[in-house]
Amino acid sequence: MAETEAQRLGETADALDGIRDDLLEFLEGRETSWTISDLRRELGRWEQELCGTTGAQGQRYSPDTIKTHIGHGAQFIRWLAGEWQPLGPRNP
């Protein structure tokens, strides 16, 4: 009887592997959709990661570096959302 149960578990595992493989094949090549809210949330998550990242020697990103990285990303998201338009270079 134990052999039959092991056989059933093996068949179930094989079936699940097949379903997983079919799902991965189905999803392969599909584009991921992001909303503006998703992008803003992920930008915040990235900022937290930058703030918490330390190098091999314990160094951290400077506040100015983080501000630059996040600021450019935030501006791009605002452009995507139609909330910002470039004005062109400033004349000296």
C-alpha atoms as a PDB file:
ATOM      1  CA  MET A   1       0.000   0.000   0.000  1.00  0.00           C
ATOM      2  CA  ALA A   2       2.870   2.396   0.771  1.00  0.00           C
ATOM      3  CA  GLU A   3       4.213   1.799  -2.713  1.00  0.00           C
ATOM      4  CA  THR A   4       0.889   2.887  -4.215  1.00  0.00           C
ATOM      5  CA  GLU A   5       0.842   6.064  -2.102  1.00  0.00           C
ATOM      6  CA  ALA A   6       4.417   6.885  -3.136  1.00  0.00           C
ATOM      7  CA  GLN A   7       3.463   6.228  -6.737  1.00  0.00           C
ATOM      8  CA  ARG A   8       0.499   8.604  -6.425  1.00  0.00           C
ATOM      9  CA  LEU A   9       2.678  11.303  -4.864  1.00  0.00           C
ATOM     10  CA  GLY A  10       5.208  10.895  -7.656  1.00  0.00           C
ATOM     11  CA  GLU A  11       2.490  11.199 -10.289  1.00  0.00           C
ATOM     12  CA  THR A  12       1.104  14.313  -8.552  1.00  0.00           C
ATOM     13  CA  ALA A  13       4.558  15.886  -8.428  1.00  0.00           C
ATOM     14  CA  ASP A  14       5.081  15.129 -12.117  1.00  0.00           C
ATOM     15  CA  ALA A  15       1.703  16.666 -12.960  1.00  0.00           C
ATOM     16  CA  LEU A  16       2.529  19.816 -10.965  1.00  0.00           C
ATOM     17  CA  ASP A  17       5.889  20.083 -12.712  1.00  0.00           C
ATOM     18  CA  GLY A  18       4.083  19.872 -16.050  1.00  0.00           C
ATOM     19  CA  ILE A  19       1.624  22.602 -15.045  1.00  0.00           C
ATOM     20  CA  ARG A  20       4.498  24.829 -13.877  1.00  0.00           C
ATOM     21  CA  ASP A  21       6.363  24.297 -17.136  1.00  0.00           C
ATOM     22  CA  ASP A  22       3.231  25.071 -19.170  1.00  0.00           C
ATOM     23  CA  LEU A  23       2.624  28.244 -17.162  1.00  0.00           C
ATOM     24  CA  LEU A  24       6.218  29.430 -17.551  1.00  0.00           C
ATOM     25  CA  GLU A  25       6.041  28.797 -21.290  1.00  0.00           C
ATOM     26  CA  PHE A  26       2.755  30.722 -21.464  1.00  0.00           C
ATOM     27  CA  LEU A  27       4.194  33.693 -19.551  1.00  0.00           C
ATOM     28  CA  GLU A  28       7.490  33.762 -21.426  1.00  0.00           C
ATOM     29  CA  GLY A  29       7.711  36.730 -23.720  1.00  0.00           C
ATOM     30  CA  ARG A  30       4.662  38.460 -22.248  1.00  0.00           C
ATOM     31  CA  GLU A  31       5.103  42.066 -21.259  1.00  0.00           C
ATOM     32  CA  THR A  32       4.604  43.143 -17.685  1.00  0.00           C
ATOM     33  CA  SER A  33       2.111  45.964 -17.222  1.00  0.00           C
ATOM     34  CA  TRP A  34       2.819  48.679 -14.667  1.00  0.00           C
ATOM     35  CA  THR A  35       0.523  51.450 -13.499  1.00  0.00           C
ATOM     36  CA  ILE A  36       1.866  54.857 -12.495  1.00  0.00           C
ATOM     37  CA  SER A  37       1.071  53.924  -8.871  1.00  0.00           C
ATOM     38  CA  ASP A  38       3.063  50.697  -9.271  1.00  0.00           C
ATOM     39  CA  LEU A  39       6.036  52.642 -10.602  1.00  0.00           C
ATOM     40  CA  ARG A  40       5.895  55.193  -7.778  1.00  0.00           C
ATOM     41  CA  ARG A  41       5.682  52.423  -5.186  1.00  0.00           C
ATOM     42  CA  GLU A  42       8.654  50.605  -6.748  1.00  0.00           C
ATOM     43  CA  LEU A  43      10.652  53.844  -6.889  1.00  0.00           C
ATOM     44  CA  GLY A  44      10.102  54.194  -3.152  1.00  0.00           C
ATOM     45  CA  ARG A  45      11.197  50.604  -2.642  1.00  0.00           C
ATOM     46  CA  TRP A  46      14.323  51.260  -4.721  1.00  0.00           C
ATOM     47  CA  GLU A  47      15.082  54.348  -2.616  1.00  0.00           C
ATOM     48  CA  GLN A  48      14.862  52.239   0.551  1.00  0.00           C
ATOM     49  CA  GLU A  49      17.209  49.700  -1.005  1.00  0.00           C
ATOM     50  CA  LEU A  50      19.718  52.410  -1.960  1.00  0.00           C
ATOM     51  CA  CYS A  51      19.564  53.846   1.564  1.00  0.00           C
ATOM     52  CA  GLY A  52      20.230  50.444   3.092  1.00  0.00           C
ATOM     53  CA  THR A  53      22.944  49.252   0.713  1.00  0.00           C
ATOM     54  CA  THR A  54      26.485  49.061   1.974  1.00  0.00           C
ATOM     55  CA  GLY A  55      29.580  48.257  -0.023  1.00  0.00           C
ATOM     56  CA  ALA A  56      32.216  45.683   0.837  1.00  0.00           C
ATOM     57  CA  GLN A  57      34.010  48.234   3.020  1.00  0.00           C
ATOM     58  CA  GLY A  58      30.837  49.455   4.750  1.00  0.00           C
ATOM     59  CA  GLN A  59      30.405  52.595   2.667  1.00  0.00           C
ATOM     60  CA  ARG A  60      26.906  53.877   1.860  1.00  0.00           C
ATOM     61  CA  TYR A  61      25.522  55.960  -0.971  1.00  0.00           C
ATOM     62  CA  SER A  62      25.649  59.664  -0.174  1.00  0.00           C
ATOM     63  CA  PRO A  63      22.313  61.465   0.247  1.00  0.00           C
ATOM     64  CA  ASP A  64      23.101  63.486  -2.904  1.00  0.00           C
ATOM     65  CA  THR A  65      23.647  60.306  -4.953  1.00  0.00           C
ATOM     66  CA  ILE A  66      20.354  58.837  -3.740  1.00  0.00           C
ATOM     67  CA  LYS A  67      18.558  62.135  -4.416  1.00  0.00           C
ATOM     68  CA  THR A  68      19.935  62.168  -7.982  1.00  0.00           C
ATOM     69  CA  HIS A  69      18.967  58.559  -8.729  1.00  0.00           C
ATOM     70  CA  ILE A  70      15.480  58.862  -7.262  1.00  0.00           C
ATOM     71  CA  GLY A  71      14.884  62.369  -8.600  1.00  0.00           C
ATOM     72  CA  HIS A  72      15.548  61.370 -12.201  1.00  0.00           C
ATOM     73  CA  GLY A  73      13.320  58.306 -11.831  1.00  0.00           C
ATOM     74  CA  ALA A  74      10.543  60.372 -10.264  1.00  0.00           C
ATOM     75  CA  GLN A  75      10.751  62.948 -13.049  1.00  0.00           C
ATOM     76  CA  PHE A  76      10.506  60.197 -15.676  1.00  0.00           C
ATOM     77  CA  ILE A  77       7.392  58.793 -13.970  1.00  0.00           C
ATOM     78  CA  ARG A  78       5.866  62.286 -13.859  1.00  0.00           C
ATOM     79  CA  TRP A  79       6.542  62.598 -17.606  1.00  0.00           C
ATOM     80  CA  LEU A  80       4.893  59.217 -18.238  1.00  0.00           C
ATOM     81  CA  ALA A  81       1.859  60.333 -16.209  1.00  0.00           C
ATOM     82  CA  GLY A  82       1.581  63.570 -18.213  1.00  0.00           C
ATOM     83  CA  GLU A  83       2.437  65.648 -15.135  1.00  0.00           C
ATOM     84  CA  TRP A  84       5.668  67.160 -16.479  1.00  0.00           C
ATOM     85  CA  GLN A  85       6.985  68.343 -19.813  1.00  0.00           C
ATOM     86  CA  PRO A  86      10.567  69.365 -20.590  1.00  0.00           C
ATOM     87  CA  LEU A  87      10.949  73.074 -21.147  1.00  0.00           C
ATOM     88  CA  GLY A  88      14.224  72.850 -23.020  1.00  0.00           C
ATOM     89  CA  PRO A  89      17.656  74.112 -22.066  1.00  0.00           C
ATOM     90  CA  ARG A  90      17.954  77.414 -20.241  1.00  0.00           C
ATOM     91  CA  ASN A  91      19.644  80.292 -22.035  1.00  0.00           C
ATOM     92  CA  PRO A  92      22.585  81.811 -20.129  1.00  0.00           C
END
